[in-house]
Amino acid sequence: MNNKSLKRNLVQSTQFLEILISLFIIAAVLVSFIDLGRYIYQILHTNLTLSYDLLTDFLGHALLMAVGVELVVMLVNHTPGSIIEVLLFSIARKMLVGSKSMTDFILGIMAIAGVFAIRKYLFVEDISGKRGIMLSAATPIKEVNRLVGINLPEDYADTIGGLLVRYSEEHDIELREGLKLTIYNADVFIAEMSGDSIEKLRFTKGLSDEEV
């Protein structure tokens, strides 16, 4: 087995593990709805003094479930935006449930402001450190338009990988690893493929005004 095949097998294995982890997280979130129902029942059948503590526990449990859902999105999409969403939900949960003093609350506000500042001014478009924006082929087209700053037709396909497959079929282009296309004023580089399936794409906006 050569290095390229080994690398492809390792990537496929890690993707399978991420999907498996995501399924377990989803299962845990679904089971946790039972606990939310129990909290509501206890709140309705207790006195006002205890209901405040129960409501706090209820909110903490619900926000933790929301963090779990965002973790699944992060594992599936592999985009910097999804990581930021997880951070925001985690900080919000800590502020609303875990803050015991005004200092904790102020620090939470500063943390959220810092995340928004990073998103606006210091946003790292490519986690890998390469030039351009590295995205999974499963990234929705709407998210691609937002991150890259282009205007791909959202009714053309559901994901950017599906769009490239359809585009290649219509223009009789053979998709392969290392292929570079220019679509809607964005250079698209196929960084990784698994068999005939596109895994990773790198976008660079505005380097060329011509379309393939």
N, C-alpha and C. Protein backbone atom coordinates (compact mmCIF):
# COMPACT_ATOMS: atom_id res chain seq x y z
N MET A 1 0.85 -1.20 0.00
CA MET A 1 0.00 0.00 0.00
C MET A 1 0.89 1.25 0.00
N ASN A 2 0.71 2.12 -1.00
CA ASN A 2 1.54 3.31 -1.07
C ASN A 2 1.03 4.38 -0.11
N ASN A 3 1.83 5.44 0.00
CA ASN A 3 1.49 6.50 0.96
C ASN A 3 0.16 7.17 0.65
N LYS A 4 -0.13 7.34 -0.66
CA LYS A 4 -1.37 8.01 -1.04
C LYS A 4 -2.58 7.17 -0.66
N SER A 5 -2.50 5.86 -0.87
CA SER A 5 -3.60 4.97 -0.50
C SER A 5 -3.77 4.92 1.01
N LEU A 6 -2.65 4.89 1.73
CA LEU A 6 -2.71 4.89 3.18
C LEU A 6 -3.35 6.16 3.71
N LYS A 7 -2.96 7.29 3.12
CA LYS A 7 -3.53 8.57 3.52
C LYS A 7 -5.03 8.61 3.25
N ARG A 8 -5.44 8.09 2.08
CA ARG A 8 -6.86 8.08 1.75
C ARG A 8 -7.64 7.20 2.72
N ASN A 9 -7.07 6.05 3.08
CA ASN A 9 -7.74 5.15 4.01
C ASN A 9 -7.86 5.78 5.39
N LEU A 10 -6.80 6.49 5.80
CA LEU A 10 -6.85 7.15 7.10
C LEU A 10 -7.90 8.26 7.12
N VAL A 11 -7.98 9.01 6.03
CA VAL A 11 -8.97 10.08 5.95
C VAL A 11 -10.38 9.50 5.99
N GLN A 12 -10.60 8.42 5.25
CA GLN A 12 -11.91 7.79 5.25
C GLN A 12 -12.26 7.24 6.63
N SER A 13 -11.26 6.70 7.32
CA SER A 13 -11.49 6.17 8.67
C SER A 13 -11.87 7.27 9.64
N THR A 14 -11.15 8.40 9.57
CA THR A 14 -11.47 9.51 10.47
C THR A 14 -12.84 10.10 10.15
N GLN A 15 -13.20 10.14 8.89
CA GLN A 15 -14.53 10.64 8.53
C GLN A 15 -15.62 9.71 9.05
N PHE A 16 -15.37 8.41 8.95
CA PHE A 16 -16.33 7.45 9.49
C PHE A 16 -16.48 7.62 11.00
N LEU A 17 -15.35 7.81 11.70
CA LEU A 17 -15.41 8.00 13.15
C LEU A 17 -16.15 9.28 13.51
N GLU A 18 -15.95 10.34 12.73
CA GLU A 18 -16.66 11.59 12.98
C GLU A 18 -18.17 11.40 12.81
N ILE A 19 -18.55 10.66 11.76
CA ILE A 19 -19.98 10.38 11.55
C ILE A 19 -20.53 9.55 12.70
N LEU A 20 -19.75 8.58 13.16
CA LEU A 20 -20.20 7.73 14.27
C LEU A 20 -20.37 8.56 15.54
N ILE A 21 -19.40 9.43 15.82
CA ILE A 21 -19.50 10.31 16.98
C ILE A 21 -20.72 11.21 16.86
N SER A 22 -20.97 11.74 15.66
CA SER A 22 -22.13 12.61 15.43
C SER A 22 -23.43 11.87 15.71
N LEU A 23 -23.50 10.61 15.29
CA LEU A 23 -24.70 9.81 15.52
C LEU A 23 -24.93 9.58 17.02
N PHE A 24 -23.85 9.34 17.75
CA PHE A 24 -23.97 9.15 19.20
C PHE A 24 -24.43 10.45 19.88
N ILE A 25 -23.89 11.58 19.42
CA ILE A 25 -24.30 12.86 20.00
C ILE A 25 -25.78 13.12 19.73
N ILE A 26 -26.22 12.85 18.48
CA ILE A 26 -27.63 13.03 18.14
C ILE A 26 -28.51 12.13 19.00
N ALA A 27 -28.08 10.87 19.18
CA ALA A 27 -28.85 9.95 20.02
C ALA A 27 -28.95 10.46 21.46
N ALA A 28 -27.84 10.98 21.98
CA ALA A 28 -27.84 11.51 23.35
C ALA A 28 -28.76 12.72 23.47
N VAL A 29 -28.75 13.59 22.45
CA VAL A 29 -29.63 14.76 22.46
C VAL A 29 -31.09 14.33 22.45
N LEU A 30 -31.43 13.36 21.62
CA LEU A 30 -32.81 12.88 21.54
C LEU A 30 -33.26 12.27 22.87
N VAL A 31 -32.40 11.49 23.49
CA VAL A 31 -32.74 10.89 24.79
C VAL A 31 -32.91 11.98 25.84
N SER A 32 -32.15 13.05 25.72
CA SER A 32 -32.21 14.13 26.71
C SER A 32 -33.54 14.87 26.70
N PHE A 33 -34.32 14.74 25.62
CA PHE A 33 -35.65 15.36 25.61
C PHE A 33 -36.53 14.79 26.72
N ILE A 34 -36.28 13.56 27.11
CA ILE A 34 -37.03 12.96 28.22
C ILE A 34 -36.77 13.74 29.50
N ASP A 35 -35.50 14.10 29.72
CA ASP A 35 -35.15 14.88 30.92
C ASP A 35 -35.78 16.26 30.89
N LEU A 36 -35.88 16.87 29.69
CA LEU A 36 -36.54 18.17 29.60
C LEU A 36 -38.00 18.05 30.02
N GLY A 37 -38.66 16.98 29.60
CA GLY A 37 -40.04 16.76 30.03
C GLY A 37 -40.16 16.59 31.53
N ARG A 38 -39.20 15.90 32.14
CA ARG A 38 -39.22 15.72 33.59
C ARG A 38 -39.03 17.05 34.32
N TYR A 39 -38.14 17.89 33.78
CA TYR A 39 -37.94 19.22 34.38
C TYR A 39 -39.24 20.02 34.34
N ILE A 40 -39.91 20.01 33.21
CA ILE A 40 -41.17 20.76 33.08
C ILE A 40 -42.20 20.23 34.08
N TYR A 41 -42.28 18.92 34.22
CA TYR A 41 -43.23 18.31 35.16
C TYR A 41 -42.92 18.75 36.58
N GLN A 42 -41.62 18.74 36.95
CA GLN A 42 -41.23 19.13 38.31
C GLN A 42 -41.50 20.61 38.56
N ILE A 43 -41.27 21.45 37.54
CA ILE A 43 -41.52 22.89 37.70
C ILE A 43 -43.00 23.15 37.94
N LEU A 44 -43.86 22.42 37.25
CA LEU A 44 -45.31 22.61 37.39
C LEU A 44 -45.85 22.07 38.72
N HIS A 45 -45.11 21.19 39.38
CA HIS A 45 -45.61 20.56 40.59
C HIS A 45 -44.72 20.83 41.80
N THR A 46 -44.14 22.01 41.85
CA THR A 46 -43.32 22.37 43.01
C THR A 46 -43.61 23.82 43.38
N ASN A 47 -43.08 24.25 44.52
CA ASN A 47 -43.34 25.62 44.97
C ASN A 47 -42.44 26.60 44.23
N LEU A 48 -42.72 27.89 44.37
CA LEU A 48 -42.03 28.92 43.62
C LEU A 48 -40.54 28.98 43.94
N THR A 49 -40.18 28.71 45.20
CA THR A 49 -38.77 28.79 45.59
C THR A 49 -37.93 27.75 44.86
N LEU A 50 -38.42 26.53 44.81
CA LEU A 50 -37.68 25.46 44.14
C LEU A 50 -37.77 25.55 42.62
N SER A 51 -38.86 26.15 42.11
CA SER A 51 -39.04 26.20 40.66
C SER A 51 -37.95 27.05 40.00
N TYR A 52 -37.42 28.05 40.73
CA TYR A 52 -36.35 28.87 40.16
C TYR A 52 -35.11 28.02 39.89
N ASP A 53 -34.71 27.21 40.87
CA ASP A 53 -33.55 26.34 40.69
C ASP A 53 -33.81 25.31 39.59
N LEU A 54 -35.02 24.79 39.54
CA LEU A 54 -35.35 23.82 38.50
C LEU A 54 -35.30 24.45 37.11
N LEU A 55 -35.78 25.70 37.02
CA LEU A 55 -35.74 26.40 35.73
C LEU A 55 -34.31 26.64 35.28
N THR A 56 -33.44 26.97 36.25
CA THR A 56 -32.02 27.16 35.92
C THR A 56 -31.40 25.87 35.39
N ASP A 57 -31.72 24.76 36.06
CA ASP A 57 -31.22 23.46 35.60
C ASP A 57 -31.80 23.11 34.22
N PHE A 58 -33.06 23.45 34.02
CA PHE A 58 -33.72 23.18 32.73
C PHE A 58 -33.02 23.94 31.60
N LEU A 59 -32.74 25.23 31.83
CA LEU A 59 -32.07 26.04 30.81
C LEU A 59 -30.66 25.52 30.53
N GLY A 60 -29.95 25.14 31.60
CA GLY A 60 -28.62 24.60 31.41
C GLY A 60 -28.62 23.32 30.59
N HIS A 61 -29.61 22.47 30.86
CA HIS A 61 -29.73 21.21 30.12
C HIS A 61 -30.08 21.48 28.65
N ALA A 62 -31.02 22.40 28.42
CA ALA A 62 -31.44 22.71 27.05
C ALA A 62 -30.30 23.33 26.25
N LEU A 63 -29.55 24.24 26.86
CA LEU A 63 -28.44 24.87 26.15
C LEU A 63 -27.31 23.88 25.88
N LEU A 64 -27.12 22.93 26.81
CA LEU A 64 -26.11 21.90 26.57
C LEU A 64 -26.50 21.03 25.38
N MET A 65 -27.80 20.76 25.23
CA MET A 65 -28.28 20.02 24.07
C MET A 65 -28.03 20.81 22.79
N ALA A 66 -28.22 22.13 22.86
CA ALA A 66 -27.97 22.97 21.69
C ALA A 66 -26.48 22.94 21.31
N VAL A 67 -25.61 22.93 22.32
CA VAL A 67 -24.17 22.82 22.05
C VAL A 67 -23.88 21.49 21.36
N GLY A 68 -24.55 20.42 21.80
CA GLY A 68 -24.37 19.12 21.17
C GLY A 68 -24.76 19.13 19.71
N VAL A 69 -25.88 19.80 19.39
CA VAL A 69 -26.33 19.90 18.00
C VAL A 69 -25.30 20.66 17.17
N GLU A 70 -24.77 21.75 17.72
CA GLU A 70 -23.77 22.53 16.99
C GLU A 70 -22.47 21.75 16.81
N LEU A 71 -22.14 20.88 17.75
CA LEU A 71 -20.97 20.02 17.59
C LEU A 71 -21.13 19.08 16.40
N VAL A 72 -22.35 18.58 16.22
CA VAL A 72 -22.61 17.71 15.08
C VAL A 72 -22.41 18.49 13.78
N VAL A 73 -22.92 19.73 13.74
CA VAL A 73 -22.74 20.57 12.54
C VAL A 73 -21.26 20.79 12.27
N MET A 74 -20.48 21.02 13.33
CA MET A 74 -19.04 21.25 13.17
C MET A 74 -18.35 20.01 12.63
N LEU A 75 -18.72 18.83 13.13
CA LEU A 75 -18.09 17.59 12.68
C LEU A 75 -18.44 17.28 11.23
N VAL A 76 -19.64 17.67 10.81
CA VAL A 76 -20.08 17.36 9.45
C VAL A 76 -19.52 18.36 8.45
N ASN A 77 -19.58 19.65 8.76
CA ASN A 77 -19.21 20.69 7.79
C ASN A 77 -17.73 21.01 7.73
N HIS A 78 -17.03 20.92 8.87
CA HIS A 78 -15.59 21.24 8.91
C HIS A 78 -15.31 22.67 8.46
N THR A 79 -16.15 23.60 8.85
CA THR A 79 -15.92 24.99 8.47
C THR A 79 -15.58 25.83 9.70
N PRO A 80 -14.77 26.89 9.54
CA PRO A 80 -14.47 27.76 10.67
C PRO A 80 -15.73 28.37 11.29
N GLY A 81 -16.72 28.66 10.45
CA GLY A 81 -17.97 29.23 10.96
C GLY A 81 -18.66 28.33 11.95
N SER A 82 -18.65 27.02 11.69
CA SER A 82 -19.31 26.08 12.60
C SER A 82 -18.58 26.00 13.93
N ILE A 83 -17.25 26.15 13.90
CA ILE A 83 -16.48 26.16 15.15
C ILE A 83 -16.86 27.37 15.99
N ILE A 84 -17.00 28.52 15.34
CA ILE A 84 -17.38 29.74 16.05
C ILE A 84 -18.77 29.61 16.65
N GLU A 85 -19.69 28.95 15.93
CA GLU A 85 -21.04 28.75 16.46
C GLU A 85 -20.99 27.93 17.75
N VAL A 86 -20.16 26.88 17.79
CA VAL A 86 -20.02 26.08 19.00
C VAL A 86 -19.50 26.92 20.15
N LEU A 87 -18.50 27.76 19.86
CA LEU A 87 -17.95 28.63 20.91
C LEU A 87 -19.00 29.59 21.45
N LEU A 88 -19.79 30.17 20.56
CA LEU A 88 -20.81 31.13 21.00
C LEU A 88 -21.86 30.45 21.88
N PHE A 89 -22.33 29.27 21.48
CA PHE A 89 -23.31 28.56 22.29
C PHE A 89 -22.73 28.17 23.64
N SER A 90 -21.48 27.75 23.67
CA SER A 90 -20.83 27.34 24.92
C SER A 90 -20.68 28.53 25.87
N ILE A 91 -20.26 29.66 25.32
CA ILE A 91 -20.11 30.86 26.16
C ILE A 91 -21.46 31.34 26.67
N ALA A 92 -22.48 31.31 25.79
CA ALA A 92 -23.82 31.74 26.20
C ALA A 92 -24.36 30.86 27.32
N ARG A 93 -24.13 29.56 27.22
CA ARG A 93 -24.59 28.65 28.27
C ARG A 93 -23.89 28.97 29.60
N LYS A 94 -22.59 29.19 29.53
CA LYS A 94 -21.83 29.52 30.74
C LYS A 94 -22.32 30.81 31.37
N MET A 95 -22.66 31.80 30.54
CA MET A 95 -23.14 33.08 31.05
C MET A 95 -24.50 32.95 31.73
N LEU A 96 -25.43 32.25 31.05
CA LEU A 96 -26.80 32.20 31.53
C LEU A 96 -27.00 31.24 32.70
N VAL A 97 -26.15 30.22 32.78
CA VAL A 97 -26.34 29.20 33.80
C VAL A 97 -25.23 29.19 34.84
N GLY A 98 -23.99 29.31 34.38
CA GLY A 98 -22.86 29.13 35.28
C GLY A 98 -22.36 30.39 35.95
N SER A 99 -22.82 31.55 35.52
CA SER A 99 -22.33 32.81 36.10
C SER A 99 -22.86 32.97 37.52
N LYS A 100 -21.95 33.16 38.47
CA LYS A 100 -22.33 33.32 39.87
C LYS A 100 -22.18 34.76 40.35
N SER A 101 -21.54 35.59 39.56
CA SER A 101 -21.32 36.98 39.96
C SER A 101 -21.35 37.87 38.74
N MET A 102 -21.39 39.18 38.99
CA MET A 102 -21.38 40.13 37.90
C MET A 102 -20.06 40.07 37.12
N THR A 103 -18.98 39.72 37.81
CA THR A 103 -17.69 39.59 37.14
C THR A 103 -17.73 38.48 36.10
N ASP A 104 -18.32 37.34 36.46
CA ASP A 104 -18.45 36.24 35.50
C ASP A 104 -19.28 36.66 34.30
N PHE A 105 -20.36 37.40 34.57
CA PHE A 105 -21.25 37.84 33.49
C PHE A 105 -20.52 38.79 32.54
N ILE A 106 -19.76 39.73 33.11
CA ILE A 106 -19.00 40.69 32.29
C ILE A 106 -17.95 39.97 31.46
N LEU A 107 -17.26 38.99 32.08
CA LEU A 107 -16.25 38.22 31.34
C LEU A 107 -16.90 37.45 30.19
N GLY A 108 -18.12 36.95 30.41
CA GLY A 108 -18.84 36.26 29.34
C GLY A 108 -19.16 37.18 28.18
N ILE A 109 -19.60 38.41 28.52
CA ILE A 109 -19.89 39.40 27.48
C ILE A 109 -18.63 39.74 26.69
N MET A 110 -17.52 39.89 27.41
CA MET A 110 -16.25 40.19 26.74
C MET A 110 -15.82 39.03 25.83
N ALA A 111 -16.07 37.80 26.29
CA ALA A 111 -15.71 36.64 25.48
C ALA A 111 -16.52 36.59 24.19
N ILE A 112 -17.83 36.85 24.29
CA ILE A 112 -18.68 36.87 23.10
C ILE A 112 -18.25 37.99 22.15
N ALA A 113 -17.96 39.17 22.73
CA ALA A 113 -17.49 40.29 21.90
C ALA A 113 -16.18 39.93 21.20
N GLY A 114 -15.31 39.20 21.91
CA GLY A 114 -14.05 38.79 21.30
C GLY A 114 -14.26 37.82 20.15
N VAL A 115 -15.20 36.88 20.31
CA VAL A 115 -15.49 35.93 19.24
C VAL A 115 -16.03 36.66 18.01
N PHE A 116 -16.94 37.63 18.22
CA PHE A 116 -17.48 38.40 17.10
C PHE A 116 -16.38 39.24 16.43
N ALA A 117 -15.46 39.77 17.24
CA ALA A 117 -14.36 40.56 16.67
C ALA A 117 -13.45 39.67 15.82
N ILE A 118 -13.18 38.46 16.30
CA ILE A 118 -12.38 37.52 15.52
C ILE A 118 -13.08 37.17 14.22
N ARG A 119 -14.41 36.95 14.33
CA ARG A 119 -15.19 36.59 13.14
C ARG A 119 -15.16 37.70 12.09
N LYS A 120 -15.14 38.95 12.55
CA LYS A 120 -15.22 40.07 11.62
C LYS A 120 -13.86 40.50 11.11
N TYR A 121 -12.85 40.52 11.99
CA TYR A 121 -11.57 41.12 11.62
C TYR A 121 -10.42 40.12 11.48
N LEU A 122 -10.46 39.03 12.23
CA LEU A 122 -9.33 38.10 12.23
C LEU A 122 -9.75 36.70 11.82
N PHE A 123 -10.83 36.60 11.06
CA PHE A 123 -11.37 35.30 10.68
C PHE A 123 -10.39 34.55 9.79
N VAL A 124 -9.96 33.37 10.21
CA VAL A 124 -9.05 32.54 9.43
C VAL A 124 -9.87 31.72 8.46
N GLU A 125 -9.81 32.08 7.19
CA GLU A 125 -10.67 31.43 6.21
C GLU A 125 -10.23 30.00 5.93
N ASP A 126 -8.95 29.73 6.06
CA ASP A 126 -8.44 28.40 5.75
C ASP A 126 -7.73 27.85 6.96
N ILE A 127 -8.34 26.87 7.64
CA ILE A 127 -7.77 26.31 8.85
C ILE A 127 -6.43 25.64 8.56
N SER A 128 -6.28 25.06 7.40
CA SER A 128 -5.07 24.32 7.08
C SER A 128 -3.86 25.23 6.91
N GLY A 129 -4.09 26.53 6.78
CA GLY A 129 -2.99 27.47 6.61
C GLY A 129 -2.62 27.70 5.17
N LYS A 130 -3.25 26.99 4.23
CA LYS A 130 -2.96 27.21 2.82
C LYS A 130 -3.71 28.44 2.34
N ARG A 131 -3.28 28.95 1.21
CA ARG A 131 -3.92 30.14 0.64
C ARG A 131 -5.31 29.79 0.15
N GLY A 132 -6.28 30.60 0.49
CA GLY A 132 -7.65 30.36 0.07
C GLY A 132 -8.50 29.81 1.19
N ILE A 133 -9.70 29.40 0.84
CA ILE A 133 -10.66 28.89 1.81
C ILE A 133 -10.86 27.41 1.55
N MET A 134 -10.50 26.58 2.52
CA MET A 134 -10.67 25.14 2.39
C MET A 134 -12.03 24.75 2.95
N LEU A 135 -12.82 24.06 2.13
CA LEU A 135 -14.17 23.66 2.54
C LEU A 135 -14.41 22.20 2.20
N SER A 136 -15.29 21.60 2.98
CA SER A 136 -15.74 20.24 2.67
C SER A 136 -16.70 20.29 1.49
N ALA A 137 -16.69 19.22 0.69
CA ALA A 137 -17.62 19.15 -0.44
C ALA A 137 -19.07 19.09 0.02
N ALA A 138 -19.29 18.74 1.29
CA ALA A 138 -20.64 18.66 1.83
C ALA A 138 -21.16 20.01 2.34
N THR A 139 -20.36 21.07 2.21
CA THR A 139 -20.78 22.38 2.68
C THR A 139 -21.94 22.91 1.83
N PRO A 140 -23.03 23.36 2.46
CA PRO A 140 -24.15 23.93 1.69
C PRO A 140 -23.71 25.13 0.87
N ILE A 141 -24.33 25.31 -0.28
CA ILE A 141 -23.95 26.39 -1.19
C ILE A 141 -24.16 27.76 -0.53
N LYS A 142 -25.20 27.87 0.27
CA LYS A 142 -25.45 29.14 0.95
C LYS A 142 -24.27 29.52 1.85
N GLU A 143 -23.69 28.52 2.54
CA GLU A 143 -22.54 28.78 3.40
C GLU A 143 -21.31 29.13 2.58
N VAL A 144 -21.16 28.48 1.42
CA VAL A 144 -20.04 28.79 0.53
C VAL A 144 -20.13 30.23 0.05
N ASN A 145 -21.33 30.67 -0.36
CA ASN A 145 -21.51 32.05 -0.81
C ASN A 145 -21.14 33.04 0.27
N ARG A 146 -21.49 32.70 1.52
CA ARG A 146 -21.22 33.62 2.62
C ARG A 146 -19.72 33.69 2.92
N LEU A 147 -19.06 32.53 2.95
CA LEU A 147 -17.65 32.50 3.31
C LEU A 147 -16.75 33.05 2.21
N VAL A 148 -17.04 32.68 0.96
CA VAL A 148 -16.18 33.06 -0.15
C VAL A 148 -16.54 34.44 -0.70
N GLY A 149 -17.80 34.85 -0.51
CA GLY A 149 -18.23 36.14 -1.03
C GLY A 149 -18.60 36.09 -2.50
N ILE A 150 -19.17 34.95 -2.95
CA ILE A 150 -19.61 34.80 -4.33
C ILE A 150 -21.11 34.56 -4.33
N ASN A 151 -21.66 34.32 -5.50
CA ASN A 151 -23.12 34.18 -5.61
C ASN A 151 -23.46 32.96 -6.45
N LEU A 152 -23.10 31.79 -5.95
CA LEU A 152 -23.47 30.55 -6.63
C LEU A 152 -24.97 30.32 -6.53
N PRO A 153 -25.61 29.81 -7.58
CA PRO A 153 -27.06 29.56 -7.54
C PRO A 153 -27.40 28.49 -6.52
N GLU A 154 -28.21 28.84 -5.54
CA GLU A 154 -28.53 27.92 -4.46
C GLU A 154 -29.55 26.86 -4.87
N ASP A 155 -30.23 27.07 -5.98
CA ASP A 155 -31.19 26.08 -6.47
C ASP A 155 -30.55 25.12 -7.49
N TYR A 156 -29.25 25.28 -7.74
CA TYR A 156 -28.55 24.46 -8.72
C TYR A 156 -28.20 23.09 -8.13
N ALA A 157 -27.88 23.08 -6.83
CA ALA A 157 -27.56 21.85 -6.09
C ALA A 157 -27.61 22.18 -4.60
N ASP A 158 -27.61 21.15 -3.78
CA ASP A 158 -27.68 21.36 -2.33
C ASP A 158 -26.32 21.70 -1.74
N THR A 159 -25.27 21.05 -2.20
CA THR A 159 -23.93 21.24 -1.66
C THR A 159 -22.98 21.68 -2.77
N ILE A 160 -21.81 22.17 -2.36
CA ILE A 160 -20.83 22.62 -3.34
C ILE A 160 -20.28 21.43 -4.13
N GLY A 161 -20.18 20.27 -3.48
CA GLY A 161 -19.73 19.08 -4.20
C GLY A 161 -20.72 18.68 -5.28
N GLY A 162 -22.02 18.72 -4.93
CA GLY A 162 -23.05 18.40 -5.91
C GLY A 162 -23.07 19.39 -7.05
N LEU A 163 -22.81 20.67 -6.75
CA LEU A 163 -22.77 21.68 -7.81
C LEU A 163 -21.63 21.40 -8.79
N LEU A 164 -20.45 21.04 -8.27
CA LEU A 164 -19.32 20.77 -9.16
C LEU A 164 -19.56 19.53 -10.02
N VAL A 165 -20.20 18.52 -9.43
CA VAL A 165 -20.50 17.31 -10.20
C VAL A 165 -21.45 17.64 -11.35
N ARG A 166 -22.49 18.40 -11.05
CA ARG A 166 -23.44 18.77 -12.09
C ARG A 166 -22.78 19.68 -13.13
N TYR A 167 -21.96 20.62 -12.67
CA TYR A 167 -21.27 21.53 -13.57
C TYR A 167 -20.34 20.76 -14.52
N SER A 168 -19.63 19.76 -13.96
CA SER A 168 -18.70 18.98 -14.79
C SER A 168 -19.45 18.14 -15.81
N GLU A 169 -20.62 17.64 -15.46
CA GLU A 169 -21.41 16.85 -16.40
C GLU A 169 -21.92 17.71 -17.55
N GLU A 170 -22.36 18.91 -17.23
CA GLU A 170 -22.89 19.80 -18.27
C GLU A 170 -21.79 20.33 -19.19
N HIS A 171 -20.57 20.46 -18.67
CA HIS A 171 -19.48 21.01 -19.47
C HIS A 171 -18.47 19.95 -19.91
N ASP A 172 -18.82 18.67 -19.68
CA ASP A 172 -17.97 17.55 -20.11
C ASP A 172 -16.56 17.69 -19.55
N ILE A 173 -16.47 17.89 -18.23
CA ILE A 173 -15.19 18.03 -17.54
C ILE A 173 -14.98 16.81 -16.64
N GLU A 174 -13.82 16.22 -16.72
CA GLU A 174 -13.48 15.08 -15.87
C GLU A 174 -12.93 15.59 -14.54
N LEU A 175 -13.63 15.29 -13.46
CA LEU A 175 -13.18 15.73 -12.14
C LEU A 175 -12.04 14.84 -11.66
N ARG A 176 -11.00 15.47 -11.14
CA ARG A 176 -9.86 14.73 -10.62
C ARG A 176 -9.18 15.57 -9.55
N GLU A 177 -8.44 14.91 -8.71
CA GLU A 177 -7.71 15.61 -7.65
C GLU A 177 -6.65 16.51 -8.26
N GLY A 178 -6.64 17.78 -7.87
CA GLY A 178 -5.70 18.75 -8.41
C GLY A 178 -6.28 19.61 -9.51
N LEU A 179 -7.52 19.29 -9.95
CA LEU A 179 -8.16 20.07 -11.01
C LEU A 179 -8.54 21.46 -10.49
N LYS A 180 -8.33 22.47 -11.34
CA LYS A 180 -8.67 23.84 -10.98
C LYS A 180 -9.68 24.39 -11.98
N LEU A 181 -10.80 24.90 -11.46
CA LEU A 181 -11.84 25.51 -12.28
C LEU A 181 -12.05 26.94 -11.84
N THR A 182 -12.59 27.74 -12.73
CA THR A 182 -12.98 29.11 -12.37
C THR A 182 -14.47 29.26 -12.62
N ILE A 183 -15.21 29.42 -11.55
CA ILE A 183 -16.67 29.51 -11.62
C ILE A 183 -17.12 30.73 -10.84
N TYR A 184 -17.93 31.56 -11.49
CA TYR A 184 -18.50 32.76 -10.84
C TYR A 184 -17.40 33.57 -10.15
N ASN A 185 -16.32 33.84 -10.87
CA ASN A 185 -15.23 34.68 -10.39
C ASN A 185 -14.55 34.12 -9.14
N ALA A 186 -14.56 32.81 -9.01
CA ALA A 186 -13.86 32.16 -7.91
C ALA A 186 -13.08 30.96 -8.45
N ASP A 187 -11.80 30.87 -8.12
CA ASP A 187 -10.99 29.73 -8.50
C ASP A 187 -11.26 28.59 -7.53
N VAL A 188 -11.67 27.44 -8.08
CA VAL A 188 -11.99 26.27 -7.27
C VAL A 188 -10.95 25.19 -7.55
N PHE A 189 -10.29 24.75 -6.50
CA PHE A 189 -9.24 23.74 -6.62
C PHE A 189 -9.69 22.49 -5.88
N ILE A 190 -9.74 21.34 -6.57
CA ILE A 190 -10.12 20.08 -5.93
C ILE A 190 -8.91 19.57 -5.16
N ALA A 191 -8.94 19.74 -3.85
CA ALA A 191 -7.78 19.41 -3.03
C ALA A 191 -7.71 17.94 -2.67
N GLU A 192 -8.89 17.30 -2.59
CA GLU A 192 -8.88 15.89 -2.17
C GLU A 192 -10.10 15.17 -2.71
N MET A 193 -9.87 13.95 -3.22
CA MET A 193 -10.96 13.10 -3.69
C MET A 193 -10.81 11.72 -3.08
N SER A 194 -11.95 11.03 -2.91
CA SER A 194 -11.96 9.65 -2.46
C SER A 194 -12.69 8.83 -3.52
N GLY A 195 -11.94 8.16 -4.35
CA GLY A 195 -12.55 7.49 -5.49
C GLY A 195 -13.05 8.51 -6.48
N ASP A 196 -14.35 8.46 -6.77
CA ASP A 196 -14.98 9.44 -7.66
C ASP A 196 -15.64 10.58 -6.89
N SER A 197 -15.55 10.55 -5.57
CA SER A 197 -16.23 11.55 -4.74
C SER A 197 -15.27 12.66 -4.32
N ILE A 198 -15.75 13.89 -4.42
CA ILE A 198 -14.95 15.04 -3.98
C ILE A 198 -15.05 15.16 -2.46
N GLU A 199 -13.92 15.33 -1.80
CA GLU A 199 -13.90 15.44 -0.34
C GLU A 199 -13.63 16.88 0.11
N LYS A 200 -12.57 17.50 -0.43
CA LYS A 200 -12.16 18.83 0.00
C LYS A 200 -11.94 19.74 -1.21
N LEU A 201 -12.35 21.01 -1.04
CA LEU A 201 -12.18 22.01 -2.09
C LEU A 201 -11.52 23.25 -1.51
N ARG A 202 -10.72 23.94 -2.33
CA ARG A 202 -10.13 25.20 -1.90
C ARG A 202 -10.58 26.29 -2.85
N PHE A 203 -11.09 27.38 -2.27
CA PHE A 203 -11.61 28.51 -3.05
C PHE A 203 -10.68 29.70 -2.89
N THR A 204 -10.48 30.41 -3.99
CA THR A 204 -9.78 31.69 -3.97
C THR A 204 -10.60 32.67 -4.78
N LYS A 205 -11.10 33.69 -4.13
CA LYS A 205 -12.02 34.63 -4.79
C LYS A 205 -11.28 35.62 -5.66
N GLY A 206 -11.84 35.83 -6.86
CA GLY A 206 -11.48 36.97 -7.68
C GLY A 206 -10.13 36.95 -8.34
N LEU A 207 -9.49 35.77 -8.51
CA LEU A 207 -8.21 35.74 -9.18
C LEU A 207 -8.34 35.74 -10.70
N SER A 208 -9.55 35.42 -11.16
CA SER A 208 -9.76 35.37 -12.59
C SER A 208 -11.19 35.79 -12.88
N ASP A 209 -11.39 36.50 -13.98
CA ASP A 209 -12.73 36.94 -14.34
C ASP A 209 -13.37 36.06 -15.40
N GLU A 210 -12.65 35.05 -15.86
CA GLU A 210 -13.18 34.19 -16.88
C GLU A 210 -13.74 32.91 -16.27
N GLU A 211 -14.78 32.38 -16.87
CA GLU A 211 -15.35 31.13 -16.42
C GLU A 211 -14.95 30.02 -17.36
N VAL A 212 -14.80 28.81 -16.77
CA VAL A 212 -14.51 27.64 -17.60
C VAL A 212 -15.76 27.26 -18.35
